[in-house]
Amino acid sequence: MSHALLVLGGAVLGAIVGSFIATIVRRFPDDRSALEGRSACESCDVPLGPLDLVPILSHLALRGRCRHCGAPIAREHLAIELVAAAIGASSAALLPLAQAGSIALFGWILLPLGWIDARHLWLPDRLVLLLALAGLMLGTFASGALLPDRLIGGLVGFAFLAALRLLHQRLRGVEGMGAGDPKLMGAIGLWTGWWLLAPILLVASAGLLAVALLTGAHRDAGREYPLGSALAAAAFAVTLASASFL
């Protein structure tokens, strides 16, 4: 199979996975399962048919509106499908097939975590646990790190952010970090091993700082930032770059 077809296949598979991820992101905060019930228009509740559910293409063909009631379809669906497609395509473009599949899965599990944290400042424990269990099983294929290094990574990732969180609470008397962030960093360490944790944290922190400066949000002293979203994006980008170029 040609390289171009593999990249296209990664993008198509990513878009399909992204459609499911979008359902998770929309339903999870309301404690609704993404597996129960047929997909339906969020405005008129009419069940959607196969032609309404083709990832990316249906949204473009229908111009972002329900074919039954004409109500706008949340652009979040299209955005998540595009990001998931980019995760699949970039992994297939840069890596051998087996490693590409593992790193793409890493990115696809990180995607709903990062997205939900950006919207709700919440990292669901069930999704973090899924990331951790998948990392235990597949982390070596994704990052090349052996199990002992990944176990150390999980422990160090969790312990470092948990210690920072506790220190901030003791010094300032308020929470400076959510309880889910150390758990997420620990789960990431189970994929990457300990040596990628510092670059991931550096990239995530730089990204948050850049967003704060560009949007002017740094002027709001009480503003809360989705560190989990930054960690999720940085973890995929750093792991992909490390596997591709090092």
Protein backbone atom coordinates (compact mmCIF):
# COMPACT_ATOMS: atom_id res chain seq x y z
CA MET A 1 0.00 0.00 0.00
CA SER A 2 1.37 3.43 -0.95
CA HIS A 3 2.29 5.98 1.67
CA ALA A 4 -0.36 8.40 0.39
CA LEU A 5 -3.09 5.78 0.81
CA LEU A 6 -1.93 5.07 4.36
CA VAL A 7 -2.13 8.76 5.21
CA LEU A 8 -5.58 8.99 3.63
CA GLY A 9 -6.65 5.89 5.51
CA GLY A 10 -5.42 7.44 8.77
CA ALA A 11 -7.43 10.58 8.06
CA VAL A 12 -10.60 8.66 7.19
CA LEU A 13 -10.32 6.42 10.24
CA GLY A 14 -9.62 9.47 12.38
CA ALA A 15 -12.73 11.24 11.10
CA ILE A 16 -14.84 8.17 11.91
CA VAL A 17 -13.34 7.94 15.40
CA GLY A 18 -13.81 11.70 15.75
CA SER A 19 -17.53 11.36 15.12
CA PHE A 20 -17.76 9.03 18.12
CA ILE A 21 -15.50 11.31 20.19
CA ALA A 22 -17.79 14.26 19.42
CA THR A 23 -20.72 12.25 20.78
CA ILE A 24 -18.74 11.53 23.95
CA VAL A 25 -17.87 15.22 24.37
CA ARG A 26 -21.49 16.29 23.91
CA ARG A 27 -23.00 13.64 26.18
CA PHE A 28 -20.42 13.01 28.90
CA PRO A 29 -21.03 16.19 30.93
CA ASP A 30 -24.72 15.20 31.18
CA ASP A 31 -23.76 11.67 32.29
CA ARG A 32 -25.22 10.16 29.11
CA SER A 33 -23.56 7.23 27.38
CA ALA A 34 -22.30 7.71 23.85
CA LEU A 35 -23.38 4.12 23.13
CA GLU A 36 -27.05 4.38 24.06
CA GLY A 37 -29.75 5.53 21.69
CA ARG A 38 -29.57 6.61 18.07
CA SER A 39 -27.99 9.87 17.08
CA ALA A 40 -30.64 12.56 16.72
CA CYS A 41 -30.89 16.26 15.97
CA GLU A 42 -30.33 18.18 19.19
CA SER A 43 -33.07 20.65 18.17
CA CYS A 44 -35.93 18.53 16.78
CA ASP A 45 -34.94 15.07 18.13
CA VAL A 46 -35.49 13.42 14.74
CA PRO A 47 -33.17 10.38 14.43
CA LEU A 48 -30.36 10.92 11.95
CA GLY A 49 -29.95 8.61 8.98
CA PRO A 50 -26.74 7.29 7.42
CA LEU A 51 -26.46 10.25 5.04
CA ASP A 52 -26.55 12.64 8.00
CA LEU A 53 -23.73 10.85 9.81
CA VAL A 54 -20.88 10.71 7.28
CA PRO A 55 -18.02 12.38 9.16
CA ILE A 56 -17.08 15.87 7.89
CA LEU A 57 -18.81 15.40 4.51
CA SER A 58 -22.37 15.41 5.89
CA HIS A 59 -21.73 18.64 7.78
CA LEU A 60 -20.34 20.30 4.66
CA ALA A 61 -23.06 18.96 2.36
CA LEU A 62 -25.84 20.09 4.70
CA ARG A 63 -24.09 23.42 5.30
CA GLY A 64 -24.11 22.77 9.01
CA ARG A 65 -27.88 22.48 9.34
CA CYS A 66 -30.33 19.70 10.14
CA ARG A 67 -32.06 18.46 6.98
CA HIS A 68 -35.34 18.07 8.91
CA CYS A 69 -35.76 21.31 10.88
CA GLY A 70 -33.02 23.51 9.47
CA ALA A 71 -31.53 24.23 12.90
CA PRO A 72 -27.76 24.79 13.02
CA ILE A 73 -25.67 21.73 13.89
CA ALA A 74 -23.07 22.41 16.55
CA ARG A 75 -19.78 23.12 14.78
CA GLU A 76 -18.09 21.24 17.59
CA HIS A 77 -18.87 18.00 15.75
CA LEU A 78 -17.00 19.12 12.64
CA ALA A 79 -14.10 20.57 14.63
CA ILE A 80 -13.54 17.36 16.61
CA GLU A 81 -13.78 15.20 13.47
CA LEU A 82 -11.18 17.39 11.75
CA VAL A 83 -8.78 17.23 14.71
CA ALA A 84 -9.20 13.45 14.98
CA ALA A 85 -8.58 13.14 11.23
CA ALA A 86 -5.42 15.23 11.60
CA ILE A 87 -4.23 12.95 14.43
CA GLY A 88 -4.71 9.88 12.25
CA ALA A 89 -3.15 11.43 9.16
CA SER A 90 -0.10 12.87 10.92
CA SER A 91 0.60 9.59 12.71
CA ALA A 92 0.36 7.61 9.46
CA ALA A 93 2.47 10.15 7.60
CA LEU A 94 5.38 10.13 10.04
CA LEU A 95 5.54 6.64 11.54
CA PRO A 96 5.55 2.93 10.69
CA LEU A 97 2.09 1.43 10.68
CA ALA A 98 2.10 -0.32 14.09
CA GLN A 99 3.57 2.67 15.89
CA ALA A 100 1.29 5.04 13.99
CA GLY A 101 -1.76 3.14 15.19
CA SER A 102 -0.61 3.25 18.82
CA ILE A 103 0.20 6.97 18.81
CA ALA A 104 -3.02 7.77 16.98
CA LEU A 105 -4.95 5.90 19.67
CA PHE A 106 -3.04 7.91 22.28
CA GLY A 107 -4.13 11.11 20.57
CA TRP A 108 -7.73 9.97 20.15
CA ILE A 109 -8.09 9.19 23.87
CA LEU A 110 -6.45 12.50 24.79
CA LEU A 111 -8.79 14.43 22.49
CA PRO A 112 -12.03 14.14 24.52
CA LEU A 113 -10.10 14.75 27.73
CA GLY A 114 -8.58 17.95 26.38
CA TRP A 115 -11.82 19.10 24.80
CA ILE A 116 -13.96 18.53 27.90
CA ASP A 117 -11.38 20.28 30.07
CA ALA A 118 -11.37 23.28 27.74
CA ARG A 119 -15.16 23.53 27.93
CA HIS A 120 -15.84 22.54 31.53
CA LEU A 121 -12.48 22.62 33.40
CA TRP A 122 -13.08 18.95 34.17
CA LEU A 123 -11.08 15.81 33.48
CA PRO A 124 -13.42 12.81 33.88
CA ASP A 125 -11.83 10.06 35.96
CA ARG A 126 -13.24 7.34 33.70
CA LEU A 127 -11.51 8.76 30.64
CA VAL A 128 -8.26 9.27 32.56
CA LEU A 129 -8.46 5.64 33.71
CA LEU A 130 -9.03 4.51 30.11
CA LEU A 131 -5.92 6.47 29.07
CA ALA A 132 -3.89 4.89 31.86
CA LEU A 133 -4.97 1.32 31.10
CA ALA A 134 -4.35 1.76 27.38
CA GLY A 135 -0.93 3.20 28.19
CA LEU A 136 0.00 0.18 30.28
CA MET A 137 -0.85 -2.10 27.36
CA LEU A 138 0.32 -0.09 24.36
CA GLY A 139 2.78 2.51 25.60
CA THR A 140 5.86 0.65 24.42
CA PHE A 141 4.52 0.52 20.84
CA ALA A 142 3.79 4.26 20.91
CA SER A 143 6.89 5.72 22.56
CA GLY A 144 9.40 2.88 22.66
CA ALA A 145 9.63 3.20 26.45
CA LEU A 146 9.80 -0.11 28.30
CA LEU A 147 7.37 -0.93 31.08
CA PRO A 148 9.69 -0.03 34.01
CA ASP A 149 10.36 3.41 32.50
CA ARG A 150 6.65 3.92 31.91
CA LEU A 151 5.75 2.89 35.46
CA ILE A 152 8.30 5.41 36.73
CA GLY A 153 6.79 7.95 34.33
CA GLY A 154 3.32 7.34 35.71
CA LEU A 155 4.49 7.71 39.30
CA VAL A 156 6.68 10.76 38.67
CA GLY A 157 4.08 12.48 36.50
CA PHE A 158 1.39 12.14 39.13
CA ALA A 159 3.61 12.87 42.13
CA PHE A 160 5.21 16.00 40.65
CA LEU A 161 1.95 17.78 39.81
CA ALA A 162 0.27 16.54 43.00
CA ALA A 163 3.15 18.04 45.02
CA LEU A 164 2.86 21.36 43.12
CA ARG A 165 -0.87 21.40 43.75
CA LEU A 166 -0.41 20.76 47.47
CA LEU A 167 2.37 23.34 47.75
CA HIS A 168 0.23 26.01 46.10
CA GLN A 169 -2.65 25.25 48.44
CA ARG A 170 -0.39 25.50 51.48
CA LEU A 171 1.24 28.77 50.38
CA ARG A 172 -1.75 30.57 48.88
CA GLY A 173 -4.67 28.94 50.68
CA VAL A 174 -6.53 28.27 47.43
CA GLU A 175 -6.43 25.60 44.76
CA GLY A 176 -4.15 26.50 41.88
CA MET A 177 -4.64 23.27 39.99
CA GLY A 178 -7.49 20.82 39.57
CA ALA A 179 -7.32 17.36 41.12
CA GLY A 180 -7.54 15.78 37.66
CA ASP A 181 -4.33 17.31 36.29
CA PRO A 182 -1.91 15.13 38.33
CA LYS A 183 -3.95 12.05 37.39
CA LEU A 184 -3.76 12.98 33.71
CA MET A 185 0.00 13.57 33.91
CA GLY A 186 0.41 10.18 35.56
CA ALA A 187 -1.62 8.49 32.82
CA ILE A 188 0.47 10.26 30.17
CA GLY A 189 3.65 9.02 31.85
CA LEU A 190 2.39 5.44 31.43
CA TRP A 191 2.53 6.03 27.67
CA THR A 192 5.69 8.10 27.33
CA GLY A 193 8.07 7.03 30.07
CA TRP A 194 9.64 9.51 32.47
CA TRP A 195 12.01 11.29 30.08
CA LEU A 196 9.30 12.96 27.99
CA LEU A 197 7.44 14.39 30.96
CA ALA A 198 9.60 17.52 31.27
CA PRO A 199 9.26 18.49 27.57
CA ILE A 200 5.51 17.84 27.71
CA LEU A 201 5.09 20.06 30.77
CA LEU A 202 7.29 22.76 29.22
CA VAL A 203 5.34 22.78 25.93
CA ALA A 204 1.99 22.74 27.77
CA SER A 205 3.01 25.65 30.03
CA ALA A 206 4.36 27.66 27.10
CA GLY A 207 1.16 27.05 25.17
CA LEU A 208 -1.05 28.22 28.04
CA LEU A 209 1.12 31.30 28.52
CA ALA A 210 0.94 32.14 24.82
CA VAL A 211 -2.86 31.81 24.81
CA ALA A 212 -3.14 33.97 27.91
CA LEU A 213 -0.95 36.71 26.41
CA LEU A 214 -2.59 36.64 22.98
CA THR A 215 -6.13 36.78 24.35
CA GLY A 216 -5.39 39.25 27.14
CA ALA A 217 -6.69 36.73 29.69
CA HIS A 218 -3.59 37.27 31.85
CA ARG A 219 -5.11 40.55 33.01
CA ASP A 220 -7.86 38.62 34.82
CA ALA A 221 -6.27 37.48 38.08
CA GLY A 222 -9.13 35.08 38.82
CA ARG A 223 -9.11 33.38 35.43
CA GLU A 224 -8.86 29.58 35.44
CA TYR A 225 -6.94 27.84 32.68
CA PRO A 226 -7.44 24.31 31.33
CA LEU A 227 -4.04 22.84 32.09
CA GLY A 228 -5.38 19.41 31.17
CA SER A 229 -6.14 20.58 27.64
CA ALA A 230 -2.61 21.92 27.27
CA LEU A 231 -1.12 18.70 28.67
CA ALA A 232 -3.21 16.59 26.30
CA ALA A 233 -2.15 18.56 23.21
CA ALA A 234 1.49 18.72 24.29
CA ALA A 235 1.61 15.00 25.13
CA PHE A 236 0.51 13.99 21.63
CA ALA A 237 2.70 16.54 19.85
CA VAL A 238 5.85 15.79 21.86
CA THR A 239 5.39 12.02 21.68
CA LEU A 240 4.78 12.14 17.92
CA ALA A 241 7.81 14.39 17.37
CA SER A 242 10.01 12.21 19.57
CA ALA A 243 8.98 9.03 17.76
CA SER A 244 9.39 10.64 14.35
CA PHE A 245 12.63 12.56 14.59
CA LEU A 246 14.67 11.16 17.47
